[in-house]
Amino acid sequence: MLLKVCGMRDAANIVEVLEVAPDYLGLIFFEKSARFVGHDFELPPDLLASTPKKVGVFVNHTLAQVVEKVNKYGLALAQLHGDESPVFCQQLKDALPQLQVVKVFRVANDFDFAQLKPYKPFCDFFLFDTKGKDYGGNGVVFNWNILKQYDNELPLFMSGGLSLYNIQELQDFVTAHKLRVHAIDVNSKFEKSPALKDVEKLKELRRRLQNTPTQNTEKQ
């Protein structure tokens, strides 16, 4: 499984996190988030020259706003965390064909997987997160057993309260049920305070993930 570290904004902390060699680094552009990058955020030179793919997290932004941020920050992926429609995803793909689109769905025990179908032609990944009062960063694990109903057509990012205490359990679950989990998305459980990541915890997570293969997790 690959590693996405989300909710970064402090330049010095970003440089520290780069030592962990995350595969993806998430920047949140949702103003109501405690991890909002701010209006004057600038990419540290170390990040400009490094290998992690930059992911922009958006919540009900306009198409023009997403396109502007993608171009300004060189984003490789747009993570749509709001109520964006399949039509919006199609418009985004049409505007930026090279951009990978990650559509987020907030999962509870009554989640209806049929709602995924119209998104599939226009998304590269789905991300399953815990349904809560906020659009993300709730720090709560959802019932993974519901994913037994998933058809595995698109690869997944997994989120929702992931920590050092449950990562092995997740790895075992993914292996047992042959889920196409491309990456795990970590945030609040690896922080000292909002947007300030605990690098030692991330190093331990990276060590554990190195023994987990990532197979067949690109869009077919």
Protein backbone atom coordinates (compact mmCIF):
# COMPACT_ATOMS: atom_id res chain seq x y z
CA MET A 1 0.00 0.00 0.00
CA LEU A 2 1.16 3.49 -0.80
CA LEU A 3 1.08 6.33 1.72
CA LYS A 4 -0.73 9.65 1.53
CA VAL A 5 -0.11 12.18 4.29
CA CYS A 6 -2.88 14.76 4.26
CA GLY A 7 -3.46 18.12 5.89
CA MET A 8 -0.04 19.75 5.51
CA ARG A 9 0.70 23.48 5.50
CA ASP A 10 3.73 24.24 7.72
CA ALA A 11 6.81 24.55 5.50
CA ALA A 12 9.30 23.21 8.06
CA ASN A 13 7.03 20.28 8.92
CA ILE A 14 6.56 19.48 5.24
CA VAL A 15 10.34 19.25 4.84
CA GLU A 16 10.50 16.87 7.82
CA VAL A 17 7.69 14.71 6.43
CA LEU A 18 9.48 14.43 3.09
CA GLU A 19 12.14 12.39 4.91
CA VAL A 20 9.48 9.70 5.37
CA ALA A 21 9.08 9.57 1.57
CA PRO A 22 5.28 9.64 1.34
CA ASP A 23 3.87 8.78 -2.06
CA TYR A 24 1.24 11.52 -1.86
CA LEU A 25 1.05 14.75 0.11
CA GLY A 26 -2.34 16.38 0.63
CA LEU A 27 -3.07 20.11 0.71
CA ILE A 28 -6.51 21.11 1.96
CA PHE A 29 -8.15 24.08 0.24
CA PHE A 30 -11.40 23.94 2.24
CA GLU A 31 -11.52 27.11 4.32
CA LYS A 32 -13.56 25.58 7.15
CA SER A 33 -10.97 22.86 7.77
CA ALA A 34 -8.61 23.15 10.73
CA ARG A 35 -5.90 22.18 8.24
CA PHE A 36 -6.74 24.75 5.56
CA VAL A 37 -3.49 25.79 3.89
CA GLY A 38 -4.44 29.47 3.96
CA HIS A 39 -4.85 32.04 1.23
CA ASP A 40 -1.14 32.85 0.88
CA PHE A 41 0.30 29.33 0.98
CA GLU A 42 3.48 28.80 -1.02
CA LEU A 43 5.11 25.48 -1.75
CA PRO A 44 8.45 24.97 0.00
CA PRO A 45 11.32 24.58 -2.52
CA ASP A 46 11.98 21.09 -1.11
CA LEU A 47 8.47 20.03 -2.08
CA LEU A 48 8.77 21.47 -5.56
CA ALA A 49 11.84 19.32 -6.15
CA SER A 50 10.60 16.14 -4.43
CA THR A 51 8.77 13.09 -5.68
CA PRO A 52 5.50 12.90 -3.70
CA LYS A 53 2.50 13.60 -5.86
CA LYS A 54 0.62 16.63 -4.60
CA VAL A 55 -3.07 16.16 -3.91
CA GLY A 56 -5.50 19.04 -3.59
CA VAL A 57 -8.48 18.46 -1.29
CA PHE A 58 -11.60 20.34 -2.36
CA VAL A 59 -15.10 20.59 -0.89
CA ASN A 60 -17.79 21.91 -3.23
CA HIS A 61 -15.41 24.29 -4.99
CA THR A 62 -16.27 25.60 -8.43
CA LEU A 63 -14.61 24.12 -11.49
CA ALA A 64 -12.65 27.34 -12.01
CA GLN A 65 -11.38 27.26 -8.42
CA VAL A 66 -10.15 23.68 -8.73
CA VAL A 67 -8.45 24.34 -12.07
CA GLU A 68 -6.74 27.43 -10.66
CA LYS A 69 -5.31 25.53 -7.67
CA VAL A 70 -4.21 22.59 -9.81
CA ASN A 71 -2.27 24.88 -12.12
CA LYS A 72 -0.86 27.07 -9.35
CA TYR A 73 0.47 24.24 -7.19
CA GLY A 74 1.18 21.57 -9.80
CA LEU A 75 -1.34 19.14 -8.34
CA ALA A 76 -1.37 15.61 -9.74
CA LEU A 77 -4.65 14.63 -8.10
CA ALA A 78 -7.84 16.41 -7.09
CA GLN A 79 -9.61 14.84 -4.12
CA LEU A 80 -13.27 15.84 -4.20
CA HIS A 81 -14.53 15.64 -0.65
CA GLY A 82 -17.90 17.35 -0.98
CA ASP A 83 -21.13 16.75 -2.86
CA GLU A 84 -19.65 16.95 -6.33
CA SER A 85 -21.74 15.31 -9.06
CA PRO A 86 -20.62 12.92 -11.80
CA VAL A 87 -21.13 15.81 -14.24
CA PHE A 88 -18.67 17.91 -12.23
CA CYS A 89 -16.11 15.09 -12.35
CA GLN A 90 -16.58 14.84 -16.11
CA GLN A 91 -16.12 18.59 -16.54
CA LEU A 92 -12.95 18.46 -14.46
CA LYS A 93 -11.56 15.62 -16.56
CA ASP A 94 -12.42 17.49 -19.73
CA ALA A 95 -10.67 20.62 -18.46
CA LEU A 96 -7.58 18.79 -17.15
CA PRO A 97 -7.23 15.40 -18.89
CA GLN A 98 -3.95 14.54 -17.13
CA LEU A 99 -5.37 15.18 -13.66
CA GLN A 100 -6.30 12.12 -11.61
CA VAL A 101 -9.63 12.48 -9.85
CA VAL A 102 -10.33 10.95 -6.44
CA LYS A 103 -13.99 11.06 -5.41
CA VAL A 104 -14.60 10.72 -1.69
CA PHE A 105 -17.60 8.94 -0.22
CA ARG A 106 -18.44 9.12 3.46
CA VAL A 107 -19.39 5.65 4.62
CA ALA A 108 -21.87 4.44 7.22
CA ASN A 109 -23.48 1.04 7.69
CA ASP A 110 -26.32 1.94 5.31
CA PHE A 111 -24.02 3.05 2.47
CA ASP A 112 -25.44 2.30 -0.99
CA PHE A 113 -22.69 1.27 -3.39
CA ALA A 114 -25.02 1.79 -6.37
CA GLN A 115 -24.31 5.52 -6.12
CA LEU A 116 -20.74 4.90 -7.29
CA LYS A 117 -21.69 3.73 -10.78
CA PRO A 118 -22.18 7.12 -12.53
CA TYR A 119 -18.83 8.35 -11.19
CA LYS A 120 -16.72 5.48 -12.50
CA PRO A 121 -16.07 6.78 -16.04
CA PHE A 122 -14.70 10.07 -14.71
CA CYS A 123 -12.72 9.04 -11.62
CA ASP A 124 -9.40 7.28 -11.20
CA PHE A 125 -9.85 6.36 -7.55
CA PHE A 126 -12.51 6.30 -4.88
CA LEU A 127 -11.71 7.21 -1.29
CA PHE A 128 -13.82 5.82 1.52
CA ASP A 129 -13.91 7.88 4.71
CA THR A 130 -16.04 7.78 7.84
CA LYS A 131 -19.34 9.63 7.71
CA GLY A 132 -19.36 12.29 10.43
CA LYS A 133 -20.34 15.84 11.22
CA ASP A 134 -17.47 17.23 9.14
CA TYR A 135 -16.47 16.54 5.53
CA GLY A 136 -13.30 14.84 6.78
CA GLY A 137 -10.77 14.63 9.57
CA ASN A 138 -13.24 13.10 12.01
CA GLY A 139 -10.63 10.62 13.23
CA VAL A 140 -13.13 7.75 13.49
CA VAL A 141 -12.90 4.31 11.88
CA PHE A 142 -15.85 3.05 9.85
CA ASN A 143 -16.99 -0.57 9.68
CA TRP A 144 -14.70 -2.04 7.04
CA ASN A 145 -16.96 -5.08 6.64
CA ILE A 146 -19.23 -3.00 4.45
CA LEU A 147 -16.46 -3.01 1.83
CA LYS A 148 -17.17 -6.68 1.20
CA GLN A 149 -19.96 -5.31 -1.01
CA TYR A 150 -17.56 -3.23 -3.12
CA ASP A 151 -17.03 -4.50 -6.68
CA ASN A 152 -13.30 -3.58 -6.77
CA GLU A 153 -13.70 -1.90 -10.18
CA LEU A 154 -11.78 1.23 -9.18
CA PRO A 155 -8.78 1.20 -6.83
CA LEU A 156 -9.21 2.80 -3.43
CA PHE A 157 -7.68 5.22 -1.03
CA MET A 158 -8.59 4.21 2.53
CA SER A 159 -9.12 6.80 5.24
CA GLY A 160 -11.02 7.26 8.48
CA GLY A 161 -9.20 7.14 11.80
CA LEU A 162 -6.25 5.07 10.59
CA SER A 163 -3.48 4.82 13.17
CA LEU A 164 -0.55 2.68 14.26
CA TYR A 165 -3.01 0.75 16.42
CA ASN A 166 -5.21 -0.48 13.56
CA ILE A 167 -3.00 -0.47 10.47
CA GLN A 168 -2.10 -4.17 10.77
CA GLU A 169 -5.78 -5.03 11.13
CA LEU A 170 -6.51 -3.06 7.97
CA GLN A 171 -3.69 -4.77 6.09
CA ASP A 172 -5.03 -8.18 7.12
CA PHE A 173 -8.57 -7.21 6.09
CA VAL A 174 -7.45 -5.93 2.70
CA THR A 175 -5.45 -9.09 2.03
CA ALA A 176 -8.22 -11.42 3.15
CA HIS A 177 -10.82 -9.78 0.93
CA LYS A 178 -8.53 -8.94 -1.99
CA LEU A 179 -9.48 -5.27 -1.95
CA ARG A 180 -7.73 -3.02 -4.45
CA VAL A 181 -6.43 -0.56 -1.89
CA HIS A 182 -3.96 1.69 -3.67
CA ALA A 183 -3.00 3.83 -0.67
CA ILE A 184 -3.90 4.71 2.86
CA ASP A 185 -4.68 8.33 3.70
CA VAL A 186 -3.57 9.44 7.17
CA ASN A 187 -4.12 12.71 8.94
CA SER A 188 -5.30 13.43 12.48
CA LYS A 189 -3.93 10.26 14.15
CA PHE A 190 -0.42 11.24 13.06
CA GLU A 191 -0.45 14.81 14.34
CA LYS A 192 0.90 16.72 17.30
CA SER A 193 -1.65 19.46 16.55
CA PRO A 194 -3.83 20.25 13.51
CA ALA A 195 -1.64 20.28 10.37
CA LEU A 196 1.56 19.54 12.36
CA LYS A 197 2.53 15.94 11.69
CA ASP A 198 4.36 13.61 14.09
CA VAL A 199 7.29 12.51 11.96
CA GLU A 200 8.34 9.64 14.23
CA LYS A 201 4.88 8.08 14.00
CA LEU A 202 4.97 8.46 10.23
CA LYS A 203 8.37 6.78 10.05
CA GLU A 204 7.00 3.80 11.95
CA LEU A 205 3.96 3.68 9.67
CA ARG A 206 6.18 3.75 6.59
CA ARG A 207 8.25 0.90 7.99
CA ARG A 208 5.15 -1.23 8.45
CA LEU A 209 3.79 -0.43 5.00
CA GLN A 210 7.00 -1.41 3.26
CA ASN A 211 6.13 -5.04 3.87
CA THR A 212 2.71 -4.70 2.24
CA PRO A 213 2.58 -5.17 -1.55
CA THR A 214 0.47 -2.88 -3.72
CA GLN A 215 -0.92 -4.94 -6.57
CA ASN A 216 -3.24 -4.11 -9.46
CA THR A 217 -4.24 -0.77 -8.02
CA GLU A 218 -4.27 1.45 -11.08
CA LYS A 219 -7.48 2.11 -12.98
CA GLN A 220 -8.01 -0.55 -15.64
